[in-house]
PDB file of N, CA and C in Angstrom:
ATOM      1  N   MET A   1     -43.546  30.988 -20.944  1.00  0.00           N
ATOM      2  CA  MET A   1     -44.857  31.270 -19.775  1.00  0.00           C
ATOM      3  C   MET A   1     -45.156  32.216 -19.206  1.00  0.00           C
ATOM      4  N   ALA A   2     -46.516  32.882 -19.790  1.00  0.00           N
ATOM      5  CA  ALA A   2     -46.705  34.179 -19.066  1.00  0.00           C
ATOM      6  C   ALA A   2     -46.670  34.013 -17.017  1.00  0.00           C
ATOM      7  N   ASP A   3     -45.809  35.207 -16.795  1.00  0.00           N
ATOM      8  CA  ASP A   3     -46.110  35.279 -15.235  1.00  0.00           C
ATOM      9  C   ASP A   3     -46.966  36.573 -15.222  1.00  0.00           C
ATOM     10  N   TRP A   4     -48.480  36.165 -14.494  1.00  0.00           N
ATOM     11  CA  TRP A   4     -49.686  37.200 -14.255  1.00  0.00           C
ATOM     12  C   TRP A   4     -49.169  37.661 -12.969  1.00  0.00           C
ATOM     13  N   LYS A   5     -48.770  38.752 -12.254  1.00  0.00           N
ATOM     14  CA  LYS A   5     -48.896  39.149 -10.688  1.00  0.00           C
ATOM     15  C   LYS A   5     -50.430  39.817 -10.456  1.00  0.00           C
ATOM     16  N   MET A   6     -50.720  39.690  -9.620  1.00  0.00           N
ATOM     17  CA  MET A   6     -52.285  40.744  -9.298  1.00  0.00           C
ATOM     18  C   MET A   6     -51.500  41.698  -8.236  1.00  0.00           C
ATOM     19  N   ILE A   7     -51.485  43.251  -8.562  1.00  0.00           N
ATOM     20  CA  ILE A   7     -50.797  43.897  -8.106  1.00  0.00           C
ATOM     21  C   ILE A   7     -51.728  45.090  -7.403  1.00  0.00           C
ATOM     22  N   CYS A   8     -52.749  45.269  -7.863  1.00  0.00           N
ATOM     23  CA  CYS A   8     -53.903  45.943  -7.074  1.00  0.00           C
ATOM     24  C   CYS A   8     -55.399  45.917  -7.718  1.00  0.00           C
ATOM     25  N   THR A   9     -56.000  46.482  -6.772  1.00  0.00           N
ATOM     26  CA  THR A   9     -57.352  46.419  -7.352  1.00  0.00           C
ATOM     27  C   THR A   9     -58.056  47.924  -8.557  1.00  0.00           C
ATOM     28  N   LEU A  10     -58.765  47.872  -9.592  1.00  0.00           N
ATOM     29  CA  LEU A  10     -59.185  49.183 -10.027  1.00  0.00           C
ATOM     30  C   LEU A  10     -59.533  49.878  -9.888  1.00  0.00           C
ATOM     31  N   GLU A  11     -59.340  49.833  -8.459  1.00  0.00           N
ATOM     32  CA  GLU A  11     -60.463  51.683  -7.912  1.00  0.00           C
ATOM     33  C   GLU A  11     -59.142  52.035  -7.250  1.00  0.00           C
ATOM     34  N   ASP A  12     -57.976  50.941  -6.708  1.00  0.00           N
ATOM     35  CA  ASP A  12     -56.472  51.211  -6.323  1.00  0.00           C
ATOM     36  C   ASP A  12     -55.903  52.451  -7.204  1.00  0.00           C
ATOM     37  N   ILE A  13     -56.039  52.379  -8.603  1.00  0.00           N
ATOM     38  CA  ILE A  13     -55.599  53.219  -9.980  1.00  0.00           C
ATOM     39  C   ILE A  13     -56.474  54.608  -9.586  1.00  0.00           C
ATOM     40  N   PRO A  14     -55.847  55.625  -9.495  1.00  0.00           N
ATOM     41  CA  PRO A  14     -56.731  56.934  -9.847  1.00  0.00           C
ATOM     42  C   PRO A  14     -57.530  56.899 -11.309  1.00  0.00           C
ATOM     43  N   ARG A  15     -58.569  57.224 -11.245  1.00  0.00           N
ATOM     44  CA  ARG A  15     -59.070  57.432 -12.854  1.00  0.00           C
ATOM     45  C   ARG A  15     -58.140  58.695 -13.418  1.00  0.00           C
ATOM     46  N   LEU A  16     -57.903  58.620 -14.516  1.00  0.00           N
ATOM     47  CA  LEU A  16     -56.503  59.774 -15.460  1.00  0.00           C
ATOM     48  C   LEU A  16     -55.920  59.840 -14.772  1.00  0.00           C
ATOM     49  N   GLY A  17     -54.906  58.610 -13.502  1.00  0.00           N
ATOM     50  CA  GLY A  17     -53.755  59.110 -13.213  1.00  0.00           C
ATOM     51  C   GLY A  17     -53.413  57.548 -13.281  1.00  0.00           C
ATOM     52  N   SER A  18     -52.020  57.418 -12.202  1.00  0.00           N
ATOM     53  CA  SER A  18     -51.590  56.084 -12.584  1.00  0.00           C
ATOM     54  C   SER A  18     -51.051  55.543 -10.948  1.00  0.00           C
ATOM     55  N   ARG A  19     -50.512  54.469 -11.096  1.00  0.00           N
ATOM     56  CA  ARG A  19     -49.994  53.760  -9.606  1.00  0.00           C
ATOM     57  C   ARG A  19     -48.770  53.117 -10.216  1.00  0.00           C
ATOM     58  N   VAL A  20     -47.006  53.339  -8.926  1.00  0.00           N
ATOM     59  CA  VAL A  20     -46.272  52.785  -9.514  1.00  0.00           C
ATOM     60  C   VAL A  20     -46.039  51.252  -8.915  1.00  0.00           C
ATOM     61  N   VAL A  21     -45.623  50.516  -9.564  1.00  0.00           N
ATOM     62  CA  VAL A  21     -45.610  49.158  -8.664  1.00  0.00           C
ATOM     63  C   VAL A  21     -44.004  48.662  -9.526  1.00  0.00           C
ATOM     64  N   THR A  22     -43.016  48.827  -8.013  1.00  0.00           N
ATOM     65  CA  THR A  22     -42.131  48.548  -8.235  1.00  0.00           C
ATOM     66  C   THR A  22     -41.814  46.626  -8.343  1.00  0.00           C
ATOM     67  N   SER A  23     -40.640  46.991  -9.616  1.00  0.00           N
ATOM     68  CA  SER A  23     -40.275  45.303  -9.943  1.00  0.00           C
ATOM     69  C   SER A  23     -38.803  45.166  -9.765  1.00  0.00           C
ATOM     70  N   ALA A  24     -38.028  44.005 -10.494  1.00  0.00           N
ATOM     71  CA  ALA A  24     -36.831  43.999 -10.395  1.00  0.00           C
ATOM     72  C   ALA A  24     -36.260  44.190 -11.706  1.00  0.00           C
ATOM     73  N   GLU A  25     -37.224  44.938 -12.675  1.00  0.00           N
ATOM     74  CA  GLU A  25     -36.533  45.437 -13.962  1.00  0.00           C
ATOM     75  C   GLU A  25     -36.953  47.245 -13.526  1.00  0.00           C
ATOM     76  N   GLY A  26     -36.732  47.914 -12.758  1.00  0.00           N
ATOM     77  CA  GLY A  26     -37.401  49.087 -12.079  1.00  0.00           C
ATOM     78  C   GLY A  26     -38.770  49.322 -12.146  1.00  0.00           C
ATOM     79  N   ASP A  27     -39.195  50.422 -11.754  1.00  0.00           N
ATOM     80  CA  ASP A  27     -40.470  50.914 -11.745  1.00  0.00           C
ATOM     81  C   ASP A  27     -41.381  51.079 -12.523  1.00  0.00           C
ATOM     82  N   ILE A  28     -42.415  50.610 -12.536  1.00  0.00           N
ATOM     83  CA  ILE A  28     -43.560  50.069 -13.861  1.00  0.00           C
ATOM     84  C   ILE A  28     -44.714  51.646 -12.973  1.00  0.00           C
ATOM     85  N   ALA A  29     -45.368  52.001 -14.318  1.00  0.00           N
ATOM     86  CA  ALA A  29     -46.308  53.013 -14.162  1.00  0.00           C
ATOM     87  C   ALA A  29     -47.729  52.387 -14.917  1.00  0.00           C
ATOM     88  N   VAL A  30     -48.357  52.452 -14.045  1.00  0.00           N
ATOM     89  CA  VAL A  30     -49.517  51.528 -14.052  1.00  0.00           C
ATOM     90  C   VAL A  30     -51.212  52.632 -14.542  1.00  0.00           C
ATOM     91  N   PHE A  31     -51.754  53.143 -15.488  1.00  0.00           N
ATOM     92  CA  PHE A  31     -52.399  53.761 -16.330  1.00  0.00           C
ATOM     93  C   PHE A  31     -53.702  53.752 -15.912  1.00  0.00           C
ATOM     94  N   ARG A  32     -54.768  54.354 -15.696  1.00  0.00           N
ATOM     95  CA  ARG A  32     -56.356  54.048 -15.875  1.00  0.00           C
ATOM     96  C   ARG A  32     -56.869  55.056 -16.571  1.00  0.00           C
ATOM     97  N   THR A  33     -57.710  54.895 -17.450  1.00  0.00           N
ATOM     98  CA  THR A  33     -58.097  55.885 -18.539  1.00  0.00           C
ATOM     99  C   THR A  33     -59.497  56.227 -17.877  1.00  0.00           C
ATOM    100  N   SER A  34     -60.410  57.154 -18.575  1.00  0.00           N
ATOM    101  CA  SER A  34     -61.061  57.560 -18.192  1.00  0.00           C
ATOM    102  C   SER A  34     -62.302  56.483 -18.459  1.00  0.00           C
ATOM    103  N   SER A  35     -62.084  55.615 -19.056  1.00  0.00           N
ATOM    104  CA  SER A  35     -63.207  54.421 -19.667  1.00  0.00           C
ATOM    105  C   SER A  35     -62.669  53.405 -18.931  1.00  0.00           C
ATOM    106  N   ASP A  36     -61.465  53.416 -18.129  1.00  0.00           N
ATOM    107  CA  ASP A  36     -61.103  51.947 -17.048  1.00  0.00           C
ATOM    108  C   ASP A  36     -60.047  51.267 -17.594  1.00  0.00           C
ATOM    109  N   GLU A  37     -59.978  51.348 -19.072  1.00  0.00           N
ATOM    110  CA  GLU A  37     -58.840  50.227 -19.566  1.00  0.00           C
ATOM    111  C   GLU A  37     -57.536  50.762 -18.266  1.00  0.00           C
ATOM    112  N   VAL A  38     -56.585  49.613 -18.324  1.00  0.00           N
ATOM    113  CA  VAL A  38     -55.497  49.719 -18.014  1.00  0.00           C
ATOM    114  C   VAL A  38     -54.179  49.481 -18.847  1.00  0.00           C
ATOM    115  N   PHE A  39     -52.956  50.227 -18.827  1.00  0.00           N
ATOM    116  CA  PHE A  39     -51.930  49.978 -19.163  1.00  0.00           C
ATOM    117  C   PHE A  39     -50.803  50.086 -18.951  1.00  0.00           C
ATOM    118  N   ALA A  40     -49.712  49.585 -19.150  1.00  0.00           N
ATOM    119  CA  ALA A  40     -48.229  49.488 -18.033  1.00  0.00           C
ATOM    120  C   ALA A  40     -47.404  49.972 -19.161  1.00  0.00           C
ATOM    121  N   LEU A  41     -46.422  51.239 -18.801  1.00  0.00           N
ATOM    122  CA  LEU A  41     -45.901  51.154 -19.358  1.00  0.00           C
ATOM    123  C   LEU A  41     -43.854  51.721 -18.374  1.00  0.00           C
ATOM    124  N   ARG A  42     -43.274  51.566 -18.374  1.00  0.00           N
ATOM    125  CA  ARG A  42     -41.766  51.888 -17.768  1.00  0.00           C
ATOM    126  C   ARG A  42     -41.684  52.825 -17.224  1.00  0.00           C
ATOM    127  N   ASP A  43     -41.667  53.207 -16.059  1.00  0.00           N
ATOM    128  CA  ASP A  43     -41.754  54.764 -15.631  1.00  0.00           C
ATOM    129  C   ASP A  43     -40.628  55.561 -15.931  1.00  0.00           C
ATOM    130  N   LYS A  44     -40.337  55.881 -17.216  1.00  0.00           N
ATOM    131  CA  LYS A  44     -39.332  56.359 -17.891  1.00  0.00           C
ATOM    132  C   LYS A  44     -39.539  56.623 -19.255  1.00  0.00           C
ATOM    133  N   CYS A  45     -39.438  58.383 -19.142  1.00  0.00           N
ATOM    134  CA  CYS A  45     -39.644  58.714 -20.239  1.00  0.00           C
ATOM    135  C   CYS A  45     -38.458  58.449 -21.559  1.00  0.00           C
ATOM    136  N   PRO A  46     -38.708  57.753 -22.748  1.00  0.00           N
ATOM    137  CA  PRO A  46     -37.561  57.824 -23.637  1.00  0.00           C
ATOM    138  C   PRO A  46     -36.965  58.898 -23.630  1.00  0.00           C
ATOM    139  N   HIS A  47     -37.336  60.181 -23.378  1.00  0.00           N
ATOM    140  CA  HIS A  47     -36.759  61.560 -23.819  1.00  0.00           C
ATOM    141  C   HIS A  47     -35.565  61.798 -22.612  1.00  0.00           C
ATOM    142  N   LYS A  48     -35.937  62.032 -21.438  1.00  0.00           N
ATOM    143  CA  LYS A  48     -34.604  62.592 -20.826  1.00  0.00           C
ATOM    144  C   LYS A  48     -34.803  61.378 -19.380  1.00  0.00           C
ATOM    145  N   GLY A  49     -35.720  60.624 -19.629  1.00  0.00           N
ATOM    146  CA  GLY A  49     -36.051  59.640 -18.198  1.00  0.00           C
ATOM    147  C   GLY A  49     -36.861  60.010 -17.415  1.00  0.00           C
ATOM    148  N   GLY A  50     -38.006  60.823 -17.329  1.00  0.00           N
ATOM    149  CA  GLY A  50     -39.006  61.747 -16.551  1.00  0.00           C
ATOM    150  C   GLY A  50     -39.758  60.317 -16.246  1.00  0.00           C
ATOM    151  N   PRO A  51     -40.160  60.959 -14.833  1.00  0.00           N
ATOM    152  CA  PRO A  51     -41.196  59.882 -14.465  1.00  0.00           C
ATOM    153  C   PRO A  51     -42.710  60.211 -15.132  1.00  0.00           C
ATOM    154  N   ILE A  52     -42.873  59.016 -16.172  1.00  0.00           N
ATOM    155  CA  ILE A  52     -44.421  59.262 -16.718  1.00  0.00           C
ATOM    156  C   ILE A  52     -45.701  58.926 -15.573  1.00  0.00           C
ATOM    157  N   SER A  53     -45.279  58.616 -14.926  1.00  0.00           N
ATOM    158  CA  SER A  53     -46.264  58.091 -13.854  1.00  0.00           C
ATOM    159  C   SER A  53     -46.465  59.621 -13.370  1.00  0.00           C
ATOM    160  N   GLN A  54     -46.094  60.843 -13.124  1.00  0.00           N
ATOM    161  CA  GLN A  54     -46.628  61.831 -12.877  1.00  0.00           C
ATOM    162  C   GLN A  54     -47.557  63.214 -13.637  1.00  0.00           C
ATOM    163  N   GLY A  55     -47.187  62.158 -15.018  1.00  0.00           N
ATOM    164  CA  GLY A  55     -47.726  62.930 -16.213  1.00  0.00           C
ATOM    165  C   GLY A  55     -49.305  62.883 -16.302  1.00  0.00           C
ATOM    166  N   MET A  56     -49.671  63.400 -17.381  1.00  0.00           N
ATOM    167  CA  MET A  56     -51.491  63.808 -17.232  1.00  0.00           C
ATOM    168  C   MET A  56     -51.728  63.063 -18.346  1.00  0.00           C
ATOM    169  N   VAL A  57     -52.787  62.279 -17.741  1.00  0.00           N
ATOM    170  CA  VAL A  57     -53.427  60.996 -18.731  1.00  0.00           C
ATOM    171  C   VAL A  57     -54.199  61.549 -19.599  1.00  0.00           C
ATOM    172  N   HIS A  58     -54.555  61.619 -20.761  1.00  0.00           N
ATOM    173  CA  HIS A  58     -55.812  61.803 -21.879  1.00  0.00           C
ATOM    174  C   HIS A  58     -55.936  60.766 -22.979  1.00  0.00           C
ATOM    175  N   GLY A  59     -57.042  60.504 -23.126  1.00  0.00           N
ATOM    176  CA  GLY A  59     -57.509  59.426 -24.104  1.00  0.00           C
ATOM    177  C   GLY A  59     -56.677  58.164 -24.090  1.00  0.00           C
ATOM    178  N   THR A  60     -56.161  57.903 -24.772  1.00  0.00           N
ATOM    179  CA  THR A  60     -55.093  56.826 -24.332  1.00  0.00           C
ATOM    180  C   THR A  60     -53.697  57.169 -24.492  1.00  0.00           C
ATOM    181  N   GLN A  61     -53.209  58.633 -24.003  1.00  0.00           N
ATOM    182  CA  GLN A  61     -52.082  58.688 -24.205  1.00  0.00           C
ATOM    183  C   GLN A  61     -51.878  59.623 -22.702  1.00  0.00           C
ATOM    184  N   VAL A  62     -50.223  59.435 -22.552  1.00  0.00           N
ATOM    185  CA  VAL A  62     -50.064  60.240 -20.893  1.00  0.00           C
ATOM    186  C   VAL A  62     -48.979  61.426 -21.752  1.00  0.00           C
ATOM    187  N   THR A  63     -48.975  62.219 -20.919  1.00  0.00           N
ATOM    188  CA  THR A  63     -47.879  63.400 -21.385  1.00  0.00           C
ATOM    189  C   THR A  63     -46.626  63.757 -20.300  1.00  0.00           C
ATOM    190  N   CYS A  64     -45.537  63.730 -20.361  1.00  0.00           N
ATOM    191  CA  CYS A  64     -44.308  63.469 -19.506  1.00  0.00           C
ATOM    192  C   CYS A  64     -44.534  64.965 -18.738  1.00  0.00           C
ATOM    193  N   PRO A  65     -44.130  64.812 -17.925  1.00  0.00           N
ATOM    194  CA  PRO A  65     -44.209  66.408 -16.855  1.00  0.00           C
ATOM    195  C   PRO A  65     -43.222  66.689 -16.875  1.00  0.00           C
ATOM    196  N   LEU A  66     -41.858  66.369 -17.749  1.00  0.00           N
ATOM    197  CA  LEU A  66     -40.616  67.135 -17.738  1.00  0.00           C
ATOM    198  C   LEU A  66     -41.020  67.848 -19.349  1.00  0.00           C
ATOM    199  N   HIS A  67     -40.844  67.875 -19.887  1.00  0.00           N
ATOM    200  CA  HIS A  67     -40.915  68.086 -21.249  1.00  0.00           C
ATOM    201  C   HIS A  67     -42.694  67.931 -22.641  1.00  0.00           C
ATOM    202  N   GLY A  68     -43.268  67.137 -21.794  1.00  0.00           N
ATOM    203  CA  GLY A  68     -44.296  67.959 -22.593  1.00  0.00           C
ATOM    204  C   GLY A  68     -44.581  66.643 -23.722  1.00  0.00           C
ATOM    205  N   TRP A  69     -43.507  65.637 -23.485  1.00  0.00           N
ATOM    206  CA  TRP A  69     -43.470  63.845 -24.591  1.00  0.00           C
ATOM    207  C   TRP A  69     -44.922  63.353 -24.551  1.00  0.00           C
ATOM    208  N   LYS A  70     -45.922  62.740 -25.375  1.00  0.00           N
ATOM    209  CA  LYS A  70     -46.621  62.181 -25.175  1.00  0.00           C
ATOM    210  C   LYS A  70     -46.500  61.280 -25.851  1.00  0.00           C
ATOM    211  N   LEU A  71     -47.224  60.204 -25.256  1.00  0.00           N
ATOM    212  CA  LEU A  71     -46.836  58.519 -25.235  1.00  0.00           C
ATOM    213  C   LEU A  71     -48.134  57.697 -25.315  1.00  0.00           C
ATOM    214  N   HIS A  72     -48.135  56.832 -26.595  1.00  0.00           N
ATOM    215  CA  HIS A  72     -49.425  56.246 -26.463  1.00  0.00           C
ATOM    216  C   HIS A  72     -49.322  54.905 -25.621  1.00  0.00           C
ATOM    217  N   LEU A  73     -50.285  55.217 -24.287  1.00  0.00           N
ATOM    218  CA  LEU A  73     -49.991  54.228 -23.362  1.00  0.00           C
ATOM    219  C   LEU A  73     -50.499  52.688 -24.062  1.00  0.00           C
ATOM    220  N   ASP A  74     -50.928  52.380 -25.147  1.00  0.00           N
ATOM    221  CA  ASP A  74     -51.635  50.955 -25.444  1.00  0.00           C
ATOM    222  C   ASP A  74     -49.897  50.676 -26.136  1.00  0.00           C
ATOM    223  N   SER A  75     -48.606  51.070 -26.673  1.00  0.00           N
ATOM    224  CA  SER A  75     -47.554  50.863 -27.783  1.00  0.00           C
ATOM    225  C   SER A  75     -46.711  51.214 -26.576  1.00  0.00           C
ATOM    226  N   GLY A  76     -46.790  52.480 -26.280  1.00  0.00           N
ATOM    227  CA  GLY A  76     -45.332  52.431 -25.468  1.00  0.00           C
ATOM    228  C   GLY A  76     -44.585  53.796 -26.624  1.00  0.00           C
ATOM    229  N   GLU A  77     -45.184  53.679 -27.517  1.00  0.00           N
ATOM    230  CA  GLU A  77     -44.459  54.676 -28.981  1.00  0.00           C
ATOM    231  C   GLU A  77     -45.105  56.515 -28.480  1.00  0.00           C
ATOM    232  N   VAL A  78     -43.923  56.914 -28.752  1.00  0.00           N
ATOM    233  CA  VAL A  78     -43.898  58.282 -28.592  1.00  0.00           C
ATOM    234  C   VAL A  78     -44.300  59.291 -29.714  1.00  0.00           C
ATOM    235  N   VAL A  79     -45.879  60.082 -29.639  1.00  0.00           N
ATOM    236  CA  VAL A  79     -45.900  60.962 -30.420  1.00  0.00           C
ATOM    237  C   VAL A  79     -45.500  61.449 -31.414  1.00  0.00           C
ATOM    238  N   ALA A  80     -45.537  61.321 -32.864  1.00  0.00           N
ATOM    239  CA  ALA A  80     -44.561  62.222 -33.819  1.00  0.00           C
ATOM    240  C   ALA A  80     -45.262  63.320 -34.012  1.00  0.00           C
ATOM    241  N   PRO A  81     -44.303  64.458 -33.656  1.00  0.00           N
ATOM    242  CA  PRO A  81     -42.773  63.934 -34.616  1.00  0.00           C
ATOM    243  C   PRO A  81     -41.855  63.232 -33.856  1.00  0.00           C
ATOM    244  N   ASP A  82     -42.227  63.414 -32.405  1.00  0.00           N
ATOM    245  CA  ASP A  82     -40.738  62.667 -31.673  1.00  0.00           C
ATOM    246  C   ASP A  82     -40.706  61.195 -31.792  1.00  0.00           C
ATOM    247  N   ILE A  83     -39.591  60.777 -31.238  1.00  0.00           N
ATOM    248  CA  ILE A  83     -39.417  59.377 -31.666  1.00  0.00           C
ATOM    249  C   ILE A  83     -38.660  58.612 -30.505  1.00  0.00           C
ATOM    250  N   GLY A  84     -39.044  57.446 -30.505  1.00  0.00           N
ATOM    251  CA  GLY A  84     -39.224  56.858 -29.018  1.00  0.00           C
ATOM    252  C   GLY A  84     -40.197  55.772 -28.260  1.00  0.00           C
ATOM    253  N   CYS A  85     -39.903  54.799 -27.309  1.00  0.00           N
ATOM    254  CA  CYS A  85     -40.493  53.956 -26.811  1.00  0.00           C
ATOM    255  C   CYS A  85     -40.389  53.976 -25.642  1.00  0.00           C
ATOM    256  N   ALA A  86     -41.307  54.099 -24.872  1.00  0.00           N
ATOM    257  CA  ALA A  86     -41.239  53.130 -23.654  1.00  0.00           C
ATOM    258  C   ALA A  86     -41.665  51.638 -23.372  1.00  0.00           C
ATOM    259  N   ARG A  87     -40.862  51.072 -22.793  1.00  0.00           N
ATOM    260  CA  ARG A  87     -41.509  49.333 -22.687  1.00  0.00           C
ATOM    261  C   ARG A  87     -42.627  49.478 -22.358  1.00  0.00           C
ATOM    262  N   ARG A  88     -43.263  48.407 -22.943  1.00  0.00           N
ATOM    263  CA  ARG A  88     -44.842  48.578 -22.190  1.00  0.00           C
ATOM    264  C   ARG A  88     -45.249  46.646 -22.044  1.00  0.00           C
ATOM    265  N   TYR A  89     -46.079  46.761 -20.399  1.00  0.00           N
ATOM    266  CA  TYR A  89     -46.024  45.648 -20.123  1.00  0.00           C
ATOM    267  C   TYR A  89     -47.621  45.188 -20.427  1.00  0.00           C
ATOM    268  N   PRO A  90     -48.060  44.103 -20.475  1.00  0.00           N
ATOM    269  CA  PRO A  90     -49.084  43.552 -20.580  1.00  0.00           C
ATOM    270  C   PRO A  90     -50.353  43.546 -19.273  1.00  0.00           C
ATOM    271  N   THR A  91     -51.262  43.910 -19.599  1.00  0.00           N
ATOM    272  CA  THR A  91     -52.021  43.972 -18.043  1.00  0.00           C
ATOM    273  C   THR A  91     -53.414  43.548 -18.527  1.00  0.00           C
ATOM    274  N   ARG A  92     -54.314  43.130 -17.572  1.00  0.00           N
ATOM    275  CA  ARG A  92     -55.871  42.293 -17.528  1.00  0.00           C
ATOM    276  C   ARG A  92     -56.217  42.513 -16.578  1.00  0.00           C
ATOM    277  N   ILE A  93     -58.022  42.790 -16.534  1.00  0.00           N
ATOM    278  CA  ILE A  93     -58.615  42.915 -15.058  1.00  0.00           C
ATOM    279  C   ILE A  93     -59.647  41.851 -15.194  1.00  0.00           C
ATOM    280  N   ASP A  94     -59.494  41.248 -13.996  1.00  0.00           N
ATOM    281  CA  ASP A  94     -60.149  40.063 -14.013  1.00  0.00           C
ATOM    282  C   ASP A  94     -61.229  40.440 -12.584  1.00  0.00           C
ATOM    283  N   GLY A  95     -62.546  40.628 -13.107  1.00  0.00           N
ATOM    284  CA  GLY A  95     -63.375  41.441 -12.209  1.00  0.00           C
ATOM    285  C   GLY A  95     -62.920  42.780 -11.563  1.00  0.00           C
ATOM    286  N   MET A  96     -62.535  43.357 -10.554  1.00  0.00           N
ATOM    287  CA  MET A  96     -61.860  44.125 -10.225  1.00  0.00           C
ATOM    288  C   MET A  96     -60.286  44.379 -10.023  1.00  0.00           C
ATOM    289  N   ALA A  97     -59.881  42.816 -10.107  1.00  0.00           N
ATOM    290  CA  ALA A  97     -58.255  42.692  -9.782  1.00  0.00           C
ATOM    291  C   ALA A  97     -57.652  43.275 -10.996  1.00  0.00           C
ATOM    292  N   VAL A  98     -56.669  43.949 -10.753  1.00  0.00           N
ATOM    293  CA  VAL A  98     -55.829  44.070 -11.769  1.00  0.00           C
ATOM    294  C   VAL A  98     -54.327  43.141 -12.033  1.00  0.00           C
ATOM    295  N   TYR A  99     -54.005  42.499 -13.230  1.00  0.00           N
ATOM    296  CA  TYR A  99     -52.841  41.827 -13.380  1.00  0.00           C
ATOM    297  C   TYR A  99     -51.697  42.681 -14.426  1.00  0.00           C
ATOM    298  N   LEU A 100     -50.358  42.526 -14.038  1.00  0.00           N
ATOM    299  CA  LEU A 100     -49.514  42.744 -14.808  1.00  0.00           C
ATOM    300  C   LEU A 100     -48.598  41.714 -15.017  1.00  0.00           C
ATOM    301  N   GLU A 101     -48.175  41.476 -16.636  1.00  0.00           N
ATOM    302  CA  GLU A 101     -47.442  40.522 -16.912  1.00  0.00           C
ATOM    303  C   GLU A 101     -46.305  40.931 -16.967  1.00  0.00           C
ATOM    304  N   ILE A 102     -45.170  40.787 -16.068  1.00  0.00           N
ATOM    305  CA  ILE A 102     -43.779  40.509 -15.631  1.00  0.00           C
ATOM    306  C   ILE A 102     -43.351  39.790 -16.100  1.00  0.00           C
TER     307      ILE A 102
END
């Protein structure tokens, strides 16, 4: 059974930025695109563990601030030719409220 938690409002996440949510599993980066889509990934780059929440959002990707690895926000998969994946968490928006499935 899904455990949806309201974590913030859409306006609490900067456009083309992120907000960090602390969970029992560790930090989760919640991203907002320019078209107000919201995605959530574990806040740890699969390359060297850098905080992807501090990366640059472009389209539906984020670039890790440490070594430039790019990750797809919708899947957590690293953009080729690099290999790896950050855990993805389902999100949903209801009105202006942002929910995260933990």
